[in-house]
Amino acid sequence: MELKIEHLTKCYGDLVALRDLSITFAPGIYGILGANGAGKSTLMNLLTDNIKRDGGSIRFNGEDILKLGNRFRAVLGYMPQQQGIYDHGDIQQKC
């Protein structure tokens, strides 16, 4: 299995969030670290097809992930920091 990102670009108006990103992921577990505004969330949103790219390609085993659709999402594991799946209601956090 191989996830190959080539020349990936994403802009929000005049702001360039990702510019010409190229990387290949072999099987394994990866963490993406970086400063706020570095493009981590944008990259993950592109990988999960939550936003559209402005340039470049994302291929899984040689096929564009947009063409693979659910077949790609079935093998992708992603856990965002803000999940929004649990209702915390009126629970107050204490120090």
C-alpha atoms as a PDB file:
ATOM      1  CA  MET A   1       0.000   0.000   0.000  1.00  0.00           C
ATOM      2  CA  GLU A   2       1.177   3.485  -0.827  1.00  0.00           C
ATOM      3  CA  LEU A   3      -0.323   6.939  -0.382  1.00  0.00           C
ATOM      4  CA  LYS A   4       1.404   9.380  -2.690  1.00  0.00           C
ATOM      5  CA  ILE A   5       0.875  13.127  -2.541  1.00  0.00           C
ATOM      6  CA  GLU A   6       2.361  15.131  -5.389  1.00  0.00           C
ATOM      7  CA  HIS A   7       2.482  18.911  -5.775  1.00  0.00           C
ATOM      8  CA  LEU A   8      -0.551  19.378  -3.500  1.00  0.00           C
ATOM      9  CA  THR A   9      -1.705  22.985  -3.263  1.00  0.00           C
ATOM     10  CA  LYS A  10      -4.593  24.592  -1.391  1.00  0.00           C
ATOM     11  CA  CYS A  11      -5.391  28.298  -1.161  1.00  0.00           C
ATOM     12  CA  TYR A  12      -8.030  30.189   0.780  1.00  0.00           C
ATOM     13  CA  GLY A  13      -8.337  33.408  -1.179  1.00  0.00           C
ATOM     14  CA  ASP A  14      -4.896  35.004  -1.117  1.00  0.00           C
ATOM     15  CA  LEU A  15      -3.692  32.735   1.708  1.00  0.00           C
ATOM     16  CA  VAL A  16      -1.653  29.730   0.576  1.00  0.00           C
ATOM     17  CA  ALA A  17      -2.248  26.952   3.119  1.00  0.00           C
ATOM     18  CA  LEU A  18      -0.263  24.272   1.246  1.00  0.00           C
ATOM     19  CA  ARG A  19       2.145  24.909  -1.605  1.00  0.00           C
ATOM     20  CA  ASP A  20       3.536  22.144  -3.787  1.00  0.00           C
ATOM     21  CA  LEU A  21       3.571  19.486  -1.027  1.00  0.00           C
ATOM     22  CA  SER A  22       4.944  16.116  -2.135  1.00  0.00           C
ATOM     23  CA  ILE A  23       5.338  13.110   0.160  1.00  0.00           C
ATOM     24  CA  THR A  24       4.912   9.346  -0.021  1.00  0.00           C
ATOM     25  CA  PHE A  25       3.543   7.312   2.872  1.00  0.00           C
ATOM     26  CA  ALA A  26       4.353   3.601   3.079  1.00  0.00           C
ATOM     27  CA  PRO A  27       2.428   1.309   5.464  1.00  0.00           C
ATOM     28  CA  GLY A  28       2.700   2.476   9.066  1.00  0.00           C
ATOM     29  CA  ILE A  29       1.366   4.936  11.596  1.00  0.00           C
ATOM     30  CA  TYR A  30       2.160   8.605  11.152  1.00  0.00           C
ATOM     31  CA  GLY A  31       1.777  11.752  13.204  1.00  0.00           C
ATOM     32  CA  ILE A  32       1.770  15.184  11.641  1.00  0.00           C
ATOM     33  CA  LEU A  33       3.277  17.887  13.829  1.00  0.00           C
ATOM     34  CA  GLY A  34       3.732  21.577  13.197  1.00  0.00           C
ATOM     35  CA  ALA A  35       3.010  25.073  14.373  1.00  0.00           C
ATOM     36  CA  ASN A  36      -0.460  26.585  14.215  1.00  0.00           C
ATOM     37  CA  GLY A  37      -1.175  27.595  10.634  1.00  0.00           C
ATOM     38  CA  ALA A  38       1.337  25.149   9.149  1.00  0.00           C
ATOM     39  CA  GLY A  39      -1.325  23.358   7.075  1.00  0.00           C
ATOM     40  CA  LYS A  40      -1.889  20.176   9.128  1.00  0.00           C
ATOM     41  CA  SER A  41      -5.676  20.466   9.255  1.00  0.00           C
ATOM     42  CA  THR A  42      -5.819  21.503   5.628  1.00  0.00           C
ATOM     43  CA  LEU A  43      -3.801  18.431   4.652  1.00  0.00           C
ATOM     44  CA  MET A  44      -6.068  16.114   6.627  1.00  0.00           C
ATOM     45  CA  ASN A  45      -9.181  17.725   5.155  1.00  0.00           C
ATOM     46  CA  LEU A  46      -7.765  17.181   1.680  1.00  0.00           C
ATOM     47  CA  LEU A  47      -6.908  13.547   2.462  1.00  0.00           C
ATOM     48  CA  THR A  48     -10.424  12.893   3.743  1.00  0.00           C
ATOM     49  CA  ASP A  49     -12.005  14.745   0.792  1.00  0.00           C
ATOM     50  CA  ASN A  50     -13.680  17.292   3.062  1.00  0.00           C
ATOM     51  CA  ILE A  51     -12.289  20.148   0.968  1.00  0.00           C
ATOM     52  CA  LYS A  52     -11.224  20.383  -2.657  1.00  0.00           C
ATOM     53  CA  ARG A  53      -7.594  20.823  -3.679  1.00  0.00           C
ATOM     54  CA  ASP A  54      -6.454  23.620  -5.938  1.00  0.00           C
ATOM     55  CA  GLY A  55      -3.639  21.624  -7.483  1.00  0.00           C
ATOM     56  CA  GLY A  56      -1.702  18.408  -7.320  1.00  0.00           C
ATOM     57  CA  SER A  57      -2.744  14.820  -6.803  1.00  0.00           C
ATOM     58  CA  ILE A  58      -3.398  12.347  -4.008  1.00  0.00           C
ATOM     59  CA  ARG A  59      -3.104   8.733  -5.089  1.00  0.00           C
ATOM     60  CA  PHE A  60      -3.664   5.512  -3.193  1.00  0.00           C
ATOM     61  CA  ASN A  61      -1.982   2.552  -4.853  1.00  0.00           C
ATOM     62  CA  GLY A  62      -1.740   4.574  -8.046  1.00  0.00           C
ATOM     63  CA  GLU A  63      -5.403   5.675  -8.215  1.00  0.00           C
ATOM     64  CA  ASP A  64      -6.735   9.142  -7.467  1.00  0.00           C
ATOM     65  CA  ILE A  65      -8.575   9.096  -4.120  1.00  0.00           C
ATOM     66  CA  LEU A  66     -11.465  11.060  -5.644  1.00  0.00           C
ATOM     67  CA  LYS A  67     -12.119   8.198  -8.046  1.00  0.00           C
ATOM     68  CA  LEU A  68     -11.755   5.590  -5.276  1.00  0.00           C
ATOM     69  CA  GLY A  69     -14.306   7.324  -3.032  1.00  0.00           C
ATOM     70  CA  ASN A  70     -15.564   4.996  -0.285  1.00  0.00           C
ATOM     71  CA  ARG A  71     -12.995   2.332  -1.142  1.00  0.00           C
ATOM     72  CA  PHE A  72     -10.279   4.766  -0.038  1.00  0.00           C
ATOM     73  CA  ARG A  73     -12.119   6.023   3.046  1.00  0.00           C
ATOM     74  CA  ALA A  74     -12.592   2.406   4.172  1.00  0.00           C
ATOM     75  CA  VAL A  75      -8.817   2.027   4.687  1.00  0.00           C
ATOM     76  CA  LEU A  76      -8.131   5.517   6.057  1.00  0.00           C
ATOM     77  CA  GLY A  77      -8.004   6.066   9.807  1.00  0.00           C
ATOM     78  CA  TYR A  78      -8.259   9.649  11.033  1.00  0.00           C
ATOM     79  CA  MET A  79      -8.966  10.956  14.521  1.00  0.00           C
ATOM     80  CA  PRO A  80      -9.207  14.746  14.730  1.00  0.00           C
ATOM     81  CA  GLN A  81      -8.539  16.585  17.969  1.00  0.00           C
ATOM     82  CA  GLN A  82     -12.075  17.997  18.005  1.00  0.00           C
ATOM     83  CA  GLN A  83     -14.290  15.013  17.371  1.00  0.00           C
ATOM     84  CA  GLY A  84     -17.726  16.418  18.129  1.00  0.00           C
ATOM     85  CA  ILE A  85     -19.223  12.955  18.609  1.00  0.00           C
ATOM     86  CA  TYR A  86     -19.855  13.194  22.343  1.00  0.00           C
ATOM     87  CA  ASP A  87     -22.268  15.672  23.887  1.00  0.00           C
ATOM     88  CA  HIS A  88     -20.504  17.028  26.940  1.00  0.00           C
ATOM     89  CA  GLY A  89     -23.613  18.932  28.010  1.00  0.00           C
ATOM     90  CA  ASP A  90     -23.175  20.920  31.208  1.00  0.00           C
ATOM     91  CA  ILE A  91     -20.068  19.100  32.393  1.00  0.00           C
ATOM     92  CA  GLN A  92     -17.678  21.619  33.894  1.00  0.00           C
ATOM     93  CA  GLN A  93     -13.987  20.884  33.816  1.00  0.00           C
ATOM     94  CA  LYS A  94     -12.014  21.601  36.940  1.00  0.00           C
ATOM     95  CA  CYS A  95      -8.316  22.277  37.321  1.00  0.00           C
END
